[in-house]
Amino acid sequence: MDQQLHSPARRLIELRIAHAELDEQIDTLAGQPQPDELCMRRLKKQRLALRDEIARLEMACSPDEPA
């Protein structure tokens, strides 16, 4: 069971959830009459970092294609 708590698949799910939460925060902020641009940039930077980490983890988890 301990392996499941620290598995790459679980980490991938957690990252995708965090990415979706950042999307929601960005959408909410963008919908305001005068959104805080600094906050918006920080959230977008965090979202990009999560997307990069998701891509790296997906590449590491996917099996190599046969020759």
C-alpha atoms as a PDB file:
ATOM      1  CA  MET A   1       0.000   0.000   0.000  1.00  0.00           C
ATOM      2  CA  ASP A   2       2.895   2.349   0.757  1.00  0.00           C
ATOM      3  CA  GLN A   3       4.071   1.967  -2.848  1.00  0.00           C
ATOM      4  CA  GLN A   4       0.702   3.191  -4.110  1.00  0.00           C
ATOM      5  CA  LEU A   5       0.990   6.354  -2.018  1.00  0.00           C
ATOM      6  CA  HIS A   6       4.246   7.270  -3.714  1.00  0.00           C
ATOM      7  CA  SER A   7       3.676   5.832  -7.172  1.00  0.00           C
ATOM      8  CA  PRO A   8       4.328   7.897 -10.304  1.00  0.00           C
ATOM      9  CA  ALA A   9       0.707   7.355 -11.365  1.00  0.00           C
ATOM     10  CA  ARG A  10      -0.567   8.908  -8.136  1.00  0.00           C
ATOM     11  CA  ARG A  11       1.861  11.815  -8.458  1.00  0.00           C
ATOM     12  CA  LEU A  12       0.611  12.380 -11.999  1.00  0.00           C
ATOM     13  CA  ILE A  13      -2.982  12.539 -10.766  1.00  0.00           C
ATOM     14  CA  GLU A  14      -2.018  14.996  -8.030  1.00  0.00           C
ATOM     15  CA  LEU A  15      -0.216  17.218 -10.543  1.00  0.00           C
ATOM     16  CA  ARG A  16      -3.189  17.187 -12.912  1.00  0.00           C
ATOM     17  CA  ILE A  17      -5.529  18.172 -10.073  1.00  0.00           C
ATOM     18  CA  ALA A  18      -3.208  21.020  -9.060  1.00  0.00           C
ATOM     19  CA  HIS A  19      -3.039  22.149 -12.712  1.00  0.00           C
ATOM     20  CA  ALA A  20      -6.844  22.176 -12.953  1.00  0.00           C
ATOM     21  CA  GLU A  21      -7.084  24.182  -9.720  1.00  0.00           C
ATOM     22  CA  LEU A  22      -4.648  26.759 -11.103  1.00  0.00           C
ATOM     23  CA  ASP A  23      -6.716  26.944 -14.303  1.00  0.00           C
ATOM     24  CA  GLU A  24      -9.773  27.723 -12.209  1.00  0.00           C
ATOM     25  CA  GLN A  25      -7.946  30.382 -10.202  1.00  0.00           C
ATOM     26  CA  ILE A  26      -6.646  32.019 -13.383  1.00  0.00           C
ATOM     27  CA  ASP A  27     -10.112  32.005 -14.959  1.00  0.00           C
ATOM     28  CA  THR A  28     -11.620  33.536 -11.826  1.00  0.00           C
ATOM     29  CA  LEU A  29      -8.957  36.217 -11.662  1.00  0.00           C
ATOM     30  CA  ALA A  30      -9.275  36.983 -15.372  1.00  0.00           C
ATOM     31  CA  GLY A  31     -13.019  37.481 -14.926  1.00  0.00           C
ATOM     32  CA  GLN A  32     -12.534  40.338 -12.486  1.00  0.00           C
ATOM     33  CA  PRO A  33     -12.907  43.916 -13.758  1.00  0.00           C
ATOM     34  CA  GLN A  34      -9.270  44.765 -12.970  1.00  0.00           C
ATOM     35  CA  PRO A  35      -7.308  41.562 -12.443  1.00  0.00           C
ATOM     36  CA  ASP A  36      -4.047  41.681 -10.534  1.00  0.00           C
ATOM     37  CA  GLU A  37      -1.530  41.234 -13.362  1.00  0.00           C
ATOM     38  CA  LEU A  38       1.340  40.228 -11.068  1.00  0.00           C
ATOM     39  CA  CYS A  39      -0.765  37.544  -9.437  1.00  0.00           C
ATOM     40  CA  MET A  40      -1.945  36.381 -12.859  1.00  0.00           C
ATOM     41  CA  ARG A  41       1.653  36.046 -14.098  1.00  0.00           C
ATOM     42  CA  ARG A  42       2.663  34.091 -10.998  1.00  0.00           C
ATOM     43  CA  LEU A  43      -0.263  31.692 -11.356  1.00  0.00           C
ATOM     44  CA  LYS A  44       0.500  31.166 -15.043  1.00  0.00           C
ATOM     45  CA  LYS A  45       4.146  30.498 -14.247  1.00  0.00           C
ATOM     46  CA  GLN A  46       3.147  27.918 -11.634  1.00  0.00           C
ATOM     47  CA  ARG A  47       0.744  26.318 -14.110  1.00  0.00           C
ATOM     48  CA  LEU A  48       3.488  26.116 -16.738  1.00  0.00           C
ATOM     49  CA  ALA A  49       5.861  24.500 -14.248  1.00  0.00           C
ATOM     50  CA  LEU A  50       3.204  21.927 -13.395  1.00  0.00           C
ATOM     51  CA  ARG A  51       2.574  21.230 -17.069  1.00  0.00           C
ATOM     52  CA  ASP A  52       6.311  20.680 -17.608  1.00  0.00           C
ATOM     53  CA  GLU A  53       6.509  18.330 -14.633  1.00  0.00           C
ATOM     54  CA  ILE A  54       3.445  16.417 -15.888  1.00  0.00           C
ATOM     55  CA  ALA A  55       5.071  16.040 -19.314  1.00  0.00           C
ATOM     56  CA  ARG A  56       8.344  14.789 -17.779  1.00  0.00           C
ATOM     57  CA  LEU A  57       6.507  12.286 -15.610  1.00  0.00           C
ATOM     58  CA  GLU A  58       4.413  11.058 -18.539  1.00  0.00           C
ATOM     59  CA  MET A  59       7.569  10.557 -20.600  1.00  0.00           C
ATOM     60  CA  ALA A  60       9.182   8.630 -17.753  1.00  0.00           C
ATOM     61  CA  CYS A  61       6.113   6.425 -17.276  1.00  0.00           C
ATOM     62  CA  SER A  62       5.471   5.641 -20.918  1.00  0.00           C
ATOM     63  CA  PRO A  63       7.183   2.518 -22.261  1.00  0.00           C
ATOM     64  CA  ASP A  64       9.703   2.869 -25.052  1.00  0.00           C
ATOM     65  CA  GLU A  65       8.386   2.085 -28.499  1.00  0.00           C
ATOM     66  CA  PRO A  66       9.691  -1.131 -30.014  1.00  0.00           C
ATOM     67  CA  ALA A  67      12.175  -0.731 -32.851  1.00  0.00           C
END
